[in-house]
Each structure stands twice: as structure tokens, then as C-alpha cells.
């Protein structure tokens, strides 16, 4: 059997025996997308990306949705990604995903005029210490806060993300040495307003704004993800914020079919980009089910060259 589109997920979410609120949200989000695509007349199936039995050449498109184990299995995923890209078309494109999956892309956006937090990227295998890096951050990169955030360049769900105070650097030296021997890492100036005001997530499909949410960390934490107790709220963005998000997607190497722009007010009081997510972002369809229909129509109109 041939399909127009495969909606990609994580094997843990194919037929889960235990359904936590988190898993229920995953299933709901994917169901809304599948049903919206079917309503457009498309033949749709939902599969785990690592399904060894599915023939990927039998689908015209593969849509990344809830493939949220890829960063824990990155070598395996990378091999699958490369092989499967030869058999079907990815949404977003292969080239765009490769660019976006590694947070080095922030440097490209910064050069294009998009405001980002003060950031230092430390390449894998670099011979340095965390203390030396922090000194460089203050002297050469203008870090002004006594706290900074350390995280991987390829990551998700706040994996190996740490808020470190300057008085605690020595406690993290061994961990940093281990991490940097395995992957590229980044230091960013800690952003106080993410804690006090939250982070805005804005969804754009083919450059057009659809909806937004405000994510707020739980008291005592700095991570806004609901995995760590963060809360999500309805949000009506200003024209300025929408224009910022539009500027971000238009600065990407190509216009994404779908994207999530996470923005916040930086330590200087200006709007800045936390992340541009165009690989497998949570798009909060459960907060705005009609947006799933907009995505389905966008995919049909922009990715399928023949009518189905």
C-alpha cells in the first residue's frame, strides 16, 4: 500500500500500555494532525521513525512530529535519517532539518540580524575548562550576569541543561570535561526574564502566524518545559512579536513549512530568540485544533505537486 504522508513518532508512543498525561498529550497532538491530513483527502499512516518493517519508499512525504527520542539515539537516528532521505521527502526538508538540528544555527541567524542571547559555542574535543570559558564570556562576550546556562548543541527536552552560578563552576568541571569530549556544547548568559516573565512560543506555517502560547517555569526552576513542571497559557502576541517571528523564519536558509519560534525579553529588555524549532517541535495543537487543519492544508498546497 502506498501513502501520501507518514506522520513520524517515537516507538514509545505507538501503542503505549501506560498512558500518563504527557503521553495522552502526545497522542492527542498526533491524532489531530493525522485527522486534519485525512480531511484533506490524503492517505496517512503514523509510524515510529525506527520501524524496521515499513518501506519508506511507499510514502510521498514523511512529517516529523513526536520523534522525541532522537537526541538519545543520535548516531542511530542520523544513519536512519540519511538512508530514508533517499527514499522519501521530509517535511521540513532534509537540508533545513540538518541546519536546524544543531544549535550552531543560532550563529547564522545572529549574522542575519536576529537578536539571540549572548552565546559561546564550544566545539567537541576543545581543551579548556569551564572556569576559563566563563572568564572569556565576561571579558570577550559581554556576559554580565553571575549565572550562565550550559547545554548541548544537539539536544531536546532540556537534556544536560544546567544553570550554573559563578561560585559553583568547580562543581561542574568534571561533568563539563566529559560532555565536551562527547559533543559540542554552548554557554549562554542566564536570562532572568525567562524566569520572571516566561517564554513565548509562536507557531508559523509557511511564514504565516497561526497561534501562540506562553510557557512559564515552576517556582524555583528555570526550565519552561512542562516535562519539568512548567505551565502553558493562552497568549495573544503583539504585532511587534509577530514581526519578530516572521523575521526569524525568513532568515532561515529556506522558508519552513512549519516552525515554532521561542522568544523572550533579554537582559537588556529587547526581544530575542531562544530557539527556532523546525524539526520536531511541539506545536500546541491541543490549544488550537484549527491550526492542525492549517498545517494540513499548507502541506497539501506546498509539498504535494499533484492533487490527490
C-alpha atoms as a PDB file:
ATOM      1  CA  UNK A   1       0.000   0.000   0.000  1.00  0.00           C
ATOM      2  CA  UNK A   2       1.198   3.492  -0.796  1.00  0.00           C
ATOM      3  CA  UNK A   3       0.700   6.618   1.298  1.00  0.00           C
ATOM      4  CA  UNK A   4       0.760  10.336   0.719  1.00  0.00           C
ATOM      5  CA  UNK A   5       2.277  11.029   4.118  1.00  0.00           C
ATOM      6  CA  UNK A   6       3.683   9.243   7.141  1.00  0.00           C
ATOM      7  CA  UNK A   7       3.426  11.031  10.490  1.00  0.00           C
ATOM      8  CA  UNK A   8       6.600  10.171  12.401  1.00  0.00           C
ATOM      9  CA  UNK A   9       6.696   9.468  16.111  1.00  0.00           C
ATOM     10  CA  UNK A  10       8.792   7.767  18.801  1.00  0.00           C
ATOM     11  CA  UNK A  11       8.347   3.995  19.343  1.00  0.00           C
ATOM     12  CA  UNK A  12       7.261   4.677  22.928  1.00  0.00           C
ATOM     13  CA  UNK A  13       4.180   6.489  21.623  1.00  0.00           C
ATOM     14  CA  UNK A  14       2.974   3.997  19.014  1.00  0.00           C
ATOM     15  CA  UNK A  15       0.878   1.757  21.262  1.00  0.00           C
ATOM     16  CA  UNK A  16       1.705   2.768  24.847  1.00  0.00           C
ATOM     17  CA  UNK A  17       0.391   0.466  27.547  1.00  0.00           C
ATOM     18  CA  UNK A  18       0.654   3.150  30.210  1.00  0.00           C
ATOM     19  CA  UNK A  19      -0.929   6.473  29.366  1.00  0.00           C
ATOM     20  CA  UNK A  20       0.328   9.335  31.510  1.00  0.00           C
ATOM     21  CA  UNK A  21      -0.986  12.887  30.973  1.00  0.00           C
ATOM     22  CA  UNK A  22       2.183  13.589  28.985  1.00  0.00           C
ATOM     23  CA  UNK A  23       1.624  10.598  26.695  1.00  0.00           C
ATOM     24  CA  UNK A  24      -2.055  11.491  26.341  1.00  0.00           C
ATOM     25  CA  UNK A  25      -0.969  14.904  25.050  1.00  0.00           C
ATOM     26  CA  UNK A  26       1.400  13.286  22.546  1.00  0.00           C
ATOM     27  CA  UNK A  27      -1.346  11.009  21.249  1.00  0.00           C
ATOM     28  CA  UNK A  28      -3.829  13.871  21.012  1.00  0.00           C
ATOM     29  CA  UNK A  29      -1.409  16.109  19.113  1.00  0.00           C
ATOM     30  CA  UNK A  30      -0.609  13.371  16.612  1.00  0.00           C
ATOM     31  CA  UNK A  31      -4.264  12.416  16.213  1.00  0.00           C
ATOM     32  CA  UNK A  32      -5.238  15.997  15.403  1.00  0.00           C
ATOM     33  CA  UNK A  33      -2.568  16.130  12.704  1.00  0.00           C
ATOM     34  CA  UNK A  34      -3.489  12.742  11.219  1.00  0.00           C
ATOM     35  CA  UNK A  35      -7.195  13.595  11.113  1.00  0.00           C
ATOM     36  CA  UNK A  36      -6.521  17.006   9.563  1.00  0.00           C
ATOM     37  CA  UNK A  37      -4.389  15.451   6.829  1.00  0.00           C
ATOM     38  CA  UNK A  38      -7.043  12.816   6.156  1.00  0.00           C
ATOM     39  CA  UNK A  39      -9.661  15.555   5.906  1.00  0.00           C
ATOM     40  CA  UNK A  40      -7.585  16.986   3.034  1.00  0.00           C
ATOM     41  CA  UNK A  41      -8.035  13.696   1.197  1.00  0.00           C
ATOM     42  CA  UNK A  42      -4.569  12.359   1.939  1.00  0.00           C
ATOM     43  CA  UNK A  43      -3.670   8.735   2.666  1.00  0.00           C
ATOM     44  CA  UNK A  44      -1.977   8.900   6.060  1.00  0.00           C
ATOM     45  CA  UNK A  45      -0.276   6.466   8.401  1.00  0.00           C
ATOM     46  CA  UNK A  46       1.537   7.037  11.706  1.00  0.00           C
ATOM     47  CA  UNK A  47       4.799   5.181  12.291  1.00  0.00           C
ATOM     48  CA  UNK A  48       7.806   5.218  14.577  1.00  0.00           C
ATOM     49  CA  UNK A  49      10.848   6.536  12.736  1.00  0.00           C
ATOM     50  CA  UNK A  50      12.799   3.397  13.677  1.00  0.00           C
ATOM     51  CA  UNK A  51      10.160   0.953  12.420  1.00  0.00           C
ATOM     52  CA  UNK A  52      12.250  -1.784  10.744  1.00  0.00           C
ATOM     53  CA  UNK A  53       9.368  -3.198   8.711  1.00  0.00           C
ATOM     54  CA  UNK A  54       7.986  -0.117   6.969  1.00  0.00           C
ATOM     55  CA  UNK A  55       9.015   0.519   3.372  1.00  0.00           C
ATOM     56  CA  UNK A  56       9.792   4.246   3.337  1.00  0.00           C
ATOM     57  CA  UNK A  57       9.685   4.353  -0.454  1.00  0.00           C
ATOM     58  CA  UNK A  58       5.915   3.765  -0.281  1.00  0.00           C
ATOM     59  CA  UNK A  59       5.204   7.264   1.039  1.00  0.00           C
ATOM     60  CA  UNK A  60       5.498  10.578  -0.797  1.00  0.00           C
ATOM     61  CA  UNK A  61       6.179  12.551   2.384  1.00  0.00           C
ATOM     62  CA  UNK A  62       7.350  11.982   5.955  1.00  0.00           C
ATOM     63  CA  UNK A  63       6.300  14.519   8.576  1.00  0.00           C
ATOM     64  CA  UNK A  64       8.377  14.746  11.761  1.00  0.00           C
ATOM     65  CA  UNK A  65       6.106  15.196  14.751  1.00  0.00           C
ATOM     66  CA  UNK A  66       6.891  13.444  18.040  1.00  0.00           C
ATOM     67  CA  UNK A  67      10.259  11.789  17.337  1.00  0.00           C
ATOM     68  CA  UNK A  68      11.440  12.747  20.787  1.00  0.00           C
ATOM     69  CA  UNK A  69      13.983  10.007  21.384  1.00  0.00           C
ATOM     70  CA  UNK A  70      16.267  11.029  18.504  1.00  0.00           C
ATOM     71  CA  UNK A  71      18.703  13.006  20.680  1.00  0.00           C
ATOM     72  CA  UNK A  72      19.245   9.998  22.964  1.00  0.00           C
ATOM     73  CA  UNK A  73      19.938   7.797  19.933  1.00  0.00           C
ATOM     74  CA  UNK A  74      21.569  10.347  17.670  1.00  0.00           C
ATOM     75  CA  UNK A  75      24.094   8.099  15.829  1.00  0.00           C
ATOM     76  CA  UNK A  76      21.338   5.575  15.082  1.00  0.00           C
ATOM     77  CA  UNK A  77      18.903   8.310  14.098  1.00  0.00           C
ATOM     78  CA  UNK A  78      21.451  10.017  11.856  1.00  0.00           C
ATOM     79  CA  UNK A  79      22.044   6.796   9.902  1.00  0.00           C
ATOM     80  CA  UNK A  80      18.290   6.234   9.506  1.00  0.00           C
ATOM     81  CA  UNK A  81      17.790   9.882   8.520  1.00  0.00           C
ATOM     82  CA  UNK A  82      20.379   9.725   5.762  1.00  0.00           C
ATOM     83  CA  UNK A  83      19.137   6.411   4.367  1.00  0.00           C
ATOM     84  CA  UNK A  84      15.455   7.354   4.482  1.00  0.00           C
ATOM     85  CA  UNK A  85      16.048  10.740   2.873  1.00  0.00           C
ATOM     86  CA  UNK A  86      16.923   8.850  -0.306  1.00  0.00           C
ATOM     87  CA  UNK A  87      13.545   7.097  -0.303  1.00  0.00           C
ATOM     88  CA  UNK A  88      11.059   9.860   0.520  1.00  0.00           C
ATOM     89  CA  UNK A  89      10.717  13.627   1.013  1.00  0.00           C
ATOM     90  CA  UNK A  90      10.960  15.040   4.527  1.00  0.00           C
ATOM     91  CA  UNK A  91       8.874  17.872   5.983  1.00  0.00           C
ATOM     92  CA  UNK A  92      10.612  20.170   6.635  1.00  0.00           C
ATOM     93  CA  UNK A  93      13.294  19.463   4.031  1.00  0.00           C
ATOM     94  CA  UNK A  94      16.355  17.346   4.773  1.00  0.00           C
ATOM     95  CA  UNK A  95      18.660  20.342   4.300  1.00  0.00           C
ATOM     96  CA  UNK A  96      16.633  22.545   6.630  1.00  0.00           C
ATOM     97  CA  UNK A  97      16.468  19.881   9.326  1.00  0.00           C
ATOM     98  CA  UNK A  98      20.236  19.292   9.198  1.00  0.00           C
ATOM     99  CA  UNK A  99      20.763  23.039   9.602  1.00  0.00           C
ATOM    100  CA  UNK A 100      18.273  23.324  12.477  1.00  0.00           C
ATOM    101  CA  UNK A 101      19.037  20.175  14.449  1.00  0.00           C
ATOM    102  CA  UNK A 102      22.318  21.678  15.659  1.00  0.00           C
ATOM    103  CA  UNK A 103      22.170  24.971  17.575  1.00  0.00           C
ATOM    104  CA  UNK A 104      25.104  26.317  15.615  1.00  0.00           C
ATOM    105  CA  UNK A 105      22.254  27.724  13.511  1.00  0.00           C
ATOM    106  CA  UNK A 106      21.883  30.491  16.115  1.00  0.00           C
ATOM    107  CA  UNK A 107      25.128  31.980  14.850  1.00  0.00           C
ATOM    108  CA  UNK A 108      23.725  32.113  11.311  1.00  0.00           C
ATOM    109  CA  UNK A 109      20.577  33.863  12.486  1.00  0.00           C
ATOM    110  CA  UNK A 110      22.596  36.303  14.565  1.00  0.00           C
ATOM    111  CA  UNK A 111      24.629  37.244  11.478  1.00  0.00           C
ATOM    112  CA  UNK A 112      21.304  37.799   9.664  1.00  0.00           C
ATOM    113  CA  UNK A 113      20.282  40.363  12.280  1.00  0.00           C
ATOM    114  CA  UNK A 114      18.190  38.219  14.612  1.00  0.00           C
ATOM    115  CA  UNK A 115      18.793  39.002  18.298  1.00  0.00           C
ATOM    116  CA  UNK A 116      19.926  35.965  20.326  1.00  0.00           C
ATOM    117  CA  UNK A 117      21.253  35.595  23.884  1.00  0.00           C
ATOM    118  CA  UNK A 118      24.983  36.157  24.431  1.00  0.00           C
ATOM    119  CA  UNK A 119      26.364  32.764  23.393  1.00  0.00           C
ATOM    120  CA  UNK A 120      29.668  30.898  23.239  1.00  0.00           C
ATOM    121  CA  UNK A 121      29.832  27.603  21.330  1.00  0.00           C
ATOM    122  CA  UNK A 122      32.484  25.145  22.456  1.00  0.00           C
ATOM    123  CA  UNK A 123      33.323  22.521  19.853  1.00  0.00           C
ATOM    124  CA  UNK A 124      33.681  18.833  20.704  1.00  0.00           C
ATOM    125  CA  UNK A 125      37.154  17.971  21.931  1.00  0.00           C
ATOM    126  CA  UNK A 126      38.122  21.539  22.844  1.00  0.00           C
ATOM    127  CA  UNK A 127      40.814  21.597  25.510  1.00  0.00           C
ATOM    128  CA  UNK A 128      39.566  24.100  28.064  1.00  0.00           C
ATOM    129  CA  UNK A 129      37.936  24.412  31.450  1.00  0.00           C
ATOM    130  CA  UNK A 130      34.564  25.794  32.403  1.00  0.00           C
ATOM    131  CA  UNK A 131      36.271  28.468  34.516  1.00  0.00           C
ATOM    132  CA  UNK A 132      38.381  29.610  31.578  1.00  0.00           C
ATOM    133  CA  UNK A 133      35.299  29.761  29.374  1.00  0.00           C
ATOM    134  CA  UNK A 134      33.385  31.830  31.870  1.00  0.00           C
ATOM    135  CA  UNK A 135      36.286  34.276  32.124  1.00  0.00           C
ATOM    136  CA  UNK A 136      36.249  34.554  28.318  1.00  0.00           C
ATOM    137  CA  UNK A 137      32.486  35.033  28.381  1.00  0.00           C
ATOM    138  CA  UNK A 138      32.808  38.038  30.682  1.00  0.00           C
ATOM    139  CA  UNK A 139      35.876  39.602  29.089  1.00  0.00           C
ATOM    140  CA  UNK A 140      35.218  38.988  25.383  1.00  0.00           C
ATOM    141  CA  UNK A 141      31.488  38.358  25.023  1.00  0.00           C
ATOM    142  CA  UNK A 142      29.972  40.803  27.467  1.00  0.00           C
ATOM    143  CA  UNK A 143      28.330  38.349  29.869  1.00  0.00           C
ATOM    144  CA  UNK A 144      27.175  40.485  32.789  1.00  0.00           C
ATOM    145  CA  UNK A 145      25.300  38.007  34.982  1.00  0.00           C
ATOM    146  CA  UNK A 146      26.707  35.820  37.725  1.00  0.00           C
ATOM    147  CA  UNK A 147      24.854  32.817  36.312  1.00  0.00           C
ATOM    148  CA  UNK A 148      25.043  31.149  32.928  1.00  0.00           C
ATOM    149  CA  UNK A 149      23.436  28.173  31.201  1.00  0.00           C
ATOM    150  CA  UNK A 150      25.364  25.214  29.819  1.00  0.00           C
ATOM    151  CA  UNK A 151      23.658  22.928  27.274  1.00  0.00           C
ATOM    152  CA  UNK A 152      24.443  20.723  24.255  1.00  0.00           C
ATOM    153  CA  UNK A 153      24.265  21.993  20.691  1.00  0.00           C
ATOM    154  CA  UNK A 154      22.150  18.965  19.787  1.00  0.00           C
ATOM    155  CA  UNK A 155      19.511  18.436  22.411  1.00  0.00           C
ATOM    156  CA  UNK A 156      15.880  18.463  23.395  1.00  0.00           C
ATOM    157  CA  UNK A 157      13.695  18.353  26.491  1.00  0.00           C
ATOM    158  CA  UNK A 158      16.404  20.254  28.413  1.00  0.00           C
ATOM    159  CA  UNK A 159      18.836  17.305  28.215  1.00  0.00           C
ATOM    160  CA  UNK A 160      22.101  18.163  30.005  1.00  0.00           C
ATOM    161  CA  UNK A 161      20.952  21.730  30.565  1.00  0.00           C
ATOM    162  CA  UNK A 162      22.396  23.342  33.684  1.00  0.00           C
ATOM    163  CA  UNK A 163      22.127  26.737  35.310  1.00  0.00           C
ATOM    164  CA  UNK A 164      25.485  27.440  36.925  1.00  0.00           C
ATOM    165  CA  UNK A 165      26.431  30.225  39.327  1.00  0.00           C
ATOM    166  CA  UNK A 166      29.981  31.540  39.118  1.00  0.00           C
ATOM    167  CA  UNK A 167      30.635  30.294  42.663  1.00  0.00           C
ATOM    168  CA  UNK A 168      29.721  26.734  41.614  1.00  0.00           C
ATOM    169  CA  UNK A 169      31.863  26.356  38.491  1.00  0.00           C
ATOM    170  CA  UNK A 170      34.299  23.940  40.137  1.00  0.00           C
ATOM    171  CA  UNK A 171      31.461  21.520  40.901  1.00  0.00           C
ATOM    172  CA  UNK A 172      30.715  21.175  37.176  1.00  0.00           C
ATOM    173  CA  UNK A 173      34.263  20.920  35.810  1.00  0.00           C
ATOM    174  CA  UNK A 174      34.362  17.116  35.668  1.00  0.00           C
ATOM    175  CA  UNK A 175      30.928  16.906  34.072  1.00  0.00           C
ATOM    176  CA  UNK A 176      31.844  19.594  31.553  1.00  0.00           C
ATOM    177  CA  UNK A 177      35.045  17.741  30.647  1.00  0.00           C
ATOM    178  CA  UNK A 178      33.065  14.568  29.991  1.00  0.00           C
ATOM    179  CA  UNK A 179      30.381  16.336  27.968  1.00  0.00           C
ATOM    180  CA  UNK A 180      32.777  18.311  25.778  1.00  0.00           C
ATOM    181  CA  UNK A 181      34.694  15.136  24.945  1.00  0.00           C
ATOM    182  CA  UNK A 182      31.465  13.689  23.505  1.00  0.00           C
ATOM    183  CA  UNK A 183      29.668  16.626  21.853  1.00  0.00           C
ATOM    184  CA  UNK A 184      29.684  20.353  21.176  1.00  0.00           C
ATOM    185  CA  UNK A 185      28.309  22.477  23.995  1.00  0.00           C
ATOM    186  CA  UNK A 186      27.186  26.072  24.385  1.00  0.00           C
ATOM    187  CA  UNK A 187      27.285  28.644  27.158  1.00  0.00           C
ATOM    188  CA  UNK A 188      24.649  31.346  27.295  1.00  0.00           C
ATOM    189  CA  UNK A 189      24.161  34.265  29.627  1.00  0.00           C
ATOM    190  CA  UNK A 190      21.360  33.384  32.046  1.00  0.00           C
ATOM    191  CA  UNK A 191      18.189  35.203  31.083  1.00  0.00           C
ATOM    192  CA  UNK A 192      16.334  36.426  34.153  1.00  0.00           C
ATOM    193  CA  UNK A 193      13.184  37.399  32.263  1.00  0.00           C
ATOM    194  CA  UNK A 194      12.525  33.844  31.145  1.00  0.00           C
ATOM    195  CA  UNK A 195      12.027  33.025  34.807  1.00  0.00           C
ATOM    196  CA  UNK A 196      10.093  36.156  35.747  1.00  0.00           C
ATOM    197  CA  UNK A 197       8.034  36.618  32.558  1.00  0.00           C
ATOM    198  CA  UNK A 198       8.193  33.275  30.753  1.00  0.00           C
ATOM    199  CA  UNK A 199       8.906  32.325  27.158  1.00  0.00           C
ATOM    200  CA  UNK A 200       6.552  32.862  24.223  1.00  0.00           C
ATOM    201  CA  UNK A 201       6.157  30.111  21.630  1.00  0.00           C
ATOM    202  CA  UNK A 202       4.780  31.269  18.292  1.00  0.00           C
ATOM    203  CA  UNK A 203       3.711  28.898  15.514  1.00  0.00           C
ATOM    204  CA  UNK A 204       4.119  29.882  11.852  1.00  0.00           C
ATOM    205  CA  UNK A 205       3.131  27.759   8.853  1.00  0.00           C
ATOM    206  CA  UNK A 206       4.867  28.726   5.607  1.00  0.00           C
ATOM    207  CA  UNK A 207       5.677  32.087   7.177  1.00  0.00           C
ATOM    208  CA  UNK A 208       2.136  32.810   8.381  1.00  0.00           C
ATOM    209  CA  UNK A 209       1.423  33.183  12.110  1.00  0.00           C
ATOM    210  CA  UNK A 210      -1.284  30.859  13.460  1.00  0.00           C
ATOM    211  CA  UNK A 211      -1.213  30.843  17.279  1.00  0.00           C
ATOM    212  CA  UNK A 212       0.967  31.298  20.353  1.00  0.00           C
ATOM    213  CA  UNK A 213       1.353  30.115  23.932  1.00  0.00           C
ATOM    214  CA  UNK A 214       3.179  31.464  26.963  1.00  0.00           C
ATOM    215  CA  UNK A 215       5.335  28.971  28.875  1.00  0.00           C
ATOM    216  CA  UNK A 216       6.216  29.709  32.490  1.00  0.00           C
ATOM    217  CA  UNK A 217       8.664  27.766  34.661  1.00  0.00           C
ATOM    218  CA  UNK A 218       7.515  26.446  38.009  1.00  0.00           C
ATOM    219  CA  UNK A 219       8.724  28.361  41.092  1.00  0.00           C
ATOM    220  CA  UNK A 220      12.400  27.675  41.752  1.00  0.00           C
ATOM    221  CA  UNK A 221      13.147  26.340  38.250  1.00  0.00           C
ATOM    222  CA  UNK A 222      14.330  27.982  35.037  1.00  0.00           C
ATOM    223  CA  UNK A 223      13.155  25.366  32.514  1.00  0.00           C
ATOM    224  CA  UNK A 224       9.793  26.227  30.984  1.00  0.00           C
ATOM    225  CA  UNK A 225       9.117  22.745  29.545  1.00  0.00           C
ATOM    226  CA  UNK A 226       6.066  21.039  31.026  1.00  0.00           C
ATOM    227  CA  UNK A 227       8.293  17.965  31.491  1.00  0.00           C
ATOM    228  CA  UNK A 228       9.814  19.922  34.394  1.00  0.00           C
ATOM    229  CA  UNK A 229       6.611  21.290  35.852  1.00  0.00           C
ATOM    230  CA  UNK A 230       6.283  24.355  33.637  1.00  0.00           C
ATOM    231  CA  UNK A 231       2.815  25.674  32.836  1.00  0.00           C
ATOM    232  CA  UNK A 232       1.328  26.718  29.499  1.00  0.00           C
ATOM    233  CA  UNK A 233      -1.069  29.594  28.963  1.00  0.00           C
ATOM    234  CA  UNK A 234      -3.042  31.125  26.117  1.00  0.00           C
ATOM    235  CA  UNK A 235      -1.226  34.104  24.619  1.00  0.00           C
ATOM    236  CA  UNK A 236      -2.170  36.859  22.194  1.00  0.00           C
ATOM    237  CA  UNK A 237       1.087  38.251  20.765  1.00  0.00           C
ATOM    238  CA  UNK A 238       1.647  41.851  19.741  1.00  0.00           C
ATOM    239  CA  UNK A 239       2.322  42.951  16.162  1.00  0.00           C
ATOM    240  CA  UNK A 240       5.936  43.520  17.197  1.00  0.00           C
ATOM    241  CA  UNK A 241       6.279  39.927  18.394  1.00  0.00           C
ATOM    242  CA  UNK A 242       4.662  38.527  15.250  1.00  0.00           C
ATOM    243  CA  UNK A 243       7.004  40.632  13.111  1.00  0.00           C
ATOM    244  CA  UNK A 244       9.974  39.276  15.089  1.00  0.00           C
ATOM    245  CA  UNK A 245       8.845  35.694  14.443  1.00  0.00           C
ATOM    246  CA  UNK A 246       8.356  36.419  10.751  1.00  0.00           C
ATOM    247  CA  UNK A 247      11.858  37.887  10.575  1.00  0.00           C
ATOM    248  CA  UNK A 248      13.277  34.721  12.127  1.00  0.00           C
ATOM    249  CA  UNK A 249      11.684  32.267   9.677  1.00  0.00           C
ATOM    250  CA  UNK A 250      12.593  34.451   6.726  1.00  0.00           C
ATOM    251  CA  UNK A 251      16.236  34.412   7.854  1.00  0.00           C
ATOM    252  CA  UNK A 252      16.350  30.600   7.640  1.00  0.00           C
ATOM    253  CA  UNK A 253      18.039  29.032   4.584  1.00  0.00           C
ATOM    254  CA  UNK A 254      14.562  28.325   3.181  1.00  0.00           C
ATOM    255  CA  UNK A 255      11.060  29.113   4.407  1.00  0.00           C
ATOM    256  CA  UNK A 256       9.923  26.302   6.731  1.00  0.00           C
ATOM    257  CA  UNK A 257       6.612  24.557   6.077  1.00  0.00           C
ATOM    258  CA  UNK A 258       6.110  24.751   9.842  1.00  0.00           C
ATOM    259  CA  UNK A 259       8.108  26.384  12.593  1.00  0.00           C
ATOM    260  CA  UNK A 260       7.959  27.319  16.245  1.00  0.00           C
ATOM    261  CA  UNK A 261       9.734  30.469  17.345  1.00  0.00           C
ATOM    262  CA  UNK A 262      10.538  30.737  21.056  1.00  0.00           C
ATOM    263  CA  UNK A 263      11.196  34.305  22.089  1.00  0.00           C
ATOM    264  CA  UNK A 264      11.732  36.188  25.330  1.00  0.00           C
ATOM    265  CA  UNK A 265      12.747  39.580  26.639  1.00  0.00           C
ATOM    266  CA  UNK A 266      16.515  39.532  27.163  1.00  0.00           C
ATOM    267  CA  UNK A 267      18.521  41.072  29.994  1.00  0.00           C
ATOM    268  CA  UNK A 268      18.631  44.377  28.110  1.00  0.00           C
ATOM    269  CA  UNK A 269      14.852  44.396  27.680  1.00  0.00           C
ATOM    270  CA  UNK A 270      14.821  43.537  23.967  1.00  0.00           C
ATOM    271  CA  UNK A 271      13.015  40.684  22.242  1.00  0.00           C
ATOM    272  CA  UNK A 272      15.396  37.833  21.492  1.00  0.00           C
ATOM    273  CA  UNK A 273      15.252  34.330  20.049  1.00  0.00           C
ATOM    274  CA  UNK A 274      15.618  31.399  22.411  1.00  0.00           C
ATOM    275  CA  UNK A 275      15.172  28.760  19.702  1.00  0.00           C
ATOM    276  CA  UNK A 276      13.839  28.291  16.194  1.00  0.00           C
ATOM    277  CA  UNK A 277      12.302  24.815  16.060  1.00  0.00           C
ATOM    278  CA  UNK A 278      11.681  23.440  12.578  1.00  0.00           C
ATOM    279  CA  UNK A 279      12.485  19.761  13.035  1.00  0.00           C
ATOM    280  CA  UNK A 280      10.073  18.158  15.525  1.00  0.00           C
ATOM    281  CA  UNK A 281       8.628  20.978  17.651  1.00  0.00           C
ATOM    282  CA  UNK A 282       5.637  20.657  19.892  1.00  0.00           C
ATOM    283  CA  UNK A 283       3.112  22.866  18.122  1.00  0.00           C
ATOM    284  CA  UNK A 284       0.380  23.003  20.775  1.00  0.00           C
ATOM    285  CA  UNK A 285      -2.452  21.866  18.521  1.00  0.00           C
ATOM    286  CA  UNK A 286      -4.403  20.869  21.621  1.00  0.00           C
ATOM    287  CA  UNK A 287      -4.586  24.576  22.420  1.00  0.00           C
ATOM    288  CA  UNK A 288      -5.693  25.415  18.888  1.00  0.00           C
ATOM    289  CA  UNK A 289      -7.027  22.389  16.960  1.00  0.00           C
ATOM    290  CA  UNK A 290      -7.849  24.532  13.913  1.00  0.00           C
ATOM    291  CA  UNK A 291      -4.099  25.100  13.461  1.00  0.00           C
ATOM    292  CA  UNK A 292      -3.691  21.392  12.642  1.00  0.00           C
ATOM    293  CA  UNK A 293      -6.080  21.950   9.737  1.00  0.00           C
ATOM    294  CA  UNK A 294      -3.997  24.916   8.589  1.00  0.00           C
ATOM    295  CA  UNK A 295      -0.857  22.783   8.685  1.00  0.00           C
ATOM    296  CA  UNK A 296      -2.540  20.009   6.713  1.00  0.00           C
ATOM    297  CA  UNK A 297      -3.646  22.446   4.010  1.00  0.00           C
ATOM    298  CA  UNK A 298      -0.175  24.031   3.941  1.00  0.00           C
ATOM    299  CA  UNK A 299       1.425  20.619   3.429  1.00  0.00           C
ATOM    300  CA  UNK A 300      -1.001  19.706   0.653  1.00  0.00           C
ATOM    301  CA  UNK A 301      -0.552  23.055  -1.102  1.00  0.00           C
ATOM    302  CA  UNK A 302       3.229  23.383  -0.778  1.00  0.00           C
ATOM    303  CA  UNK A 303       4.613  19.837  -0.661  1.00  0.00           C
ATOM    304  CA  UNK A 304       2.433  17.795  -2.983  1.00  0.00           C
ATOM    305  CA  UNK A 305       2.922  18.819  -6.573  1.00  0.00           C
ATOM    306  CA  UNK A 306      -0.057  16.841  -7.835  1.00  0.00           C
ATOM    307  CA  UNK A 307      -3.590  16.920  -6.487  1.00  0.00           C
ATOM    308  CA  UNK A 308      -4.678  13.891  -4.533  1.00  0.00           C
END
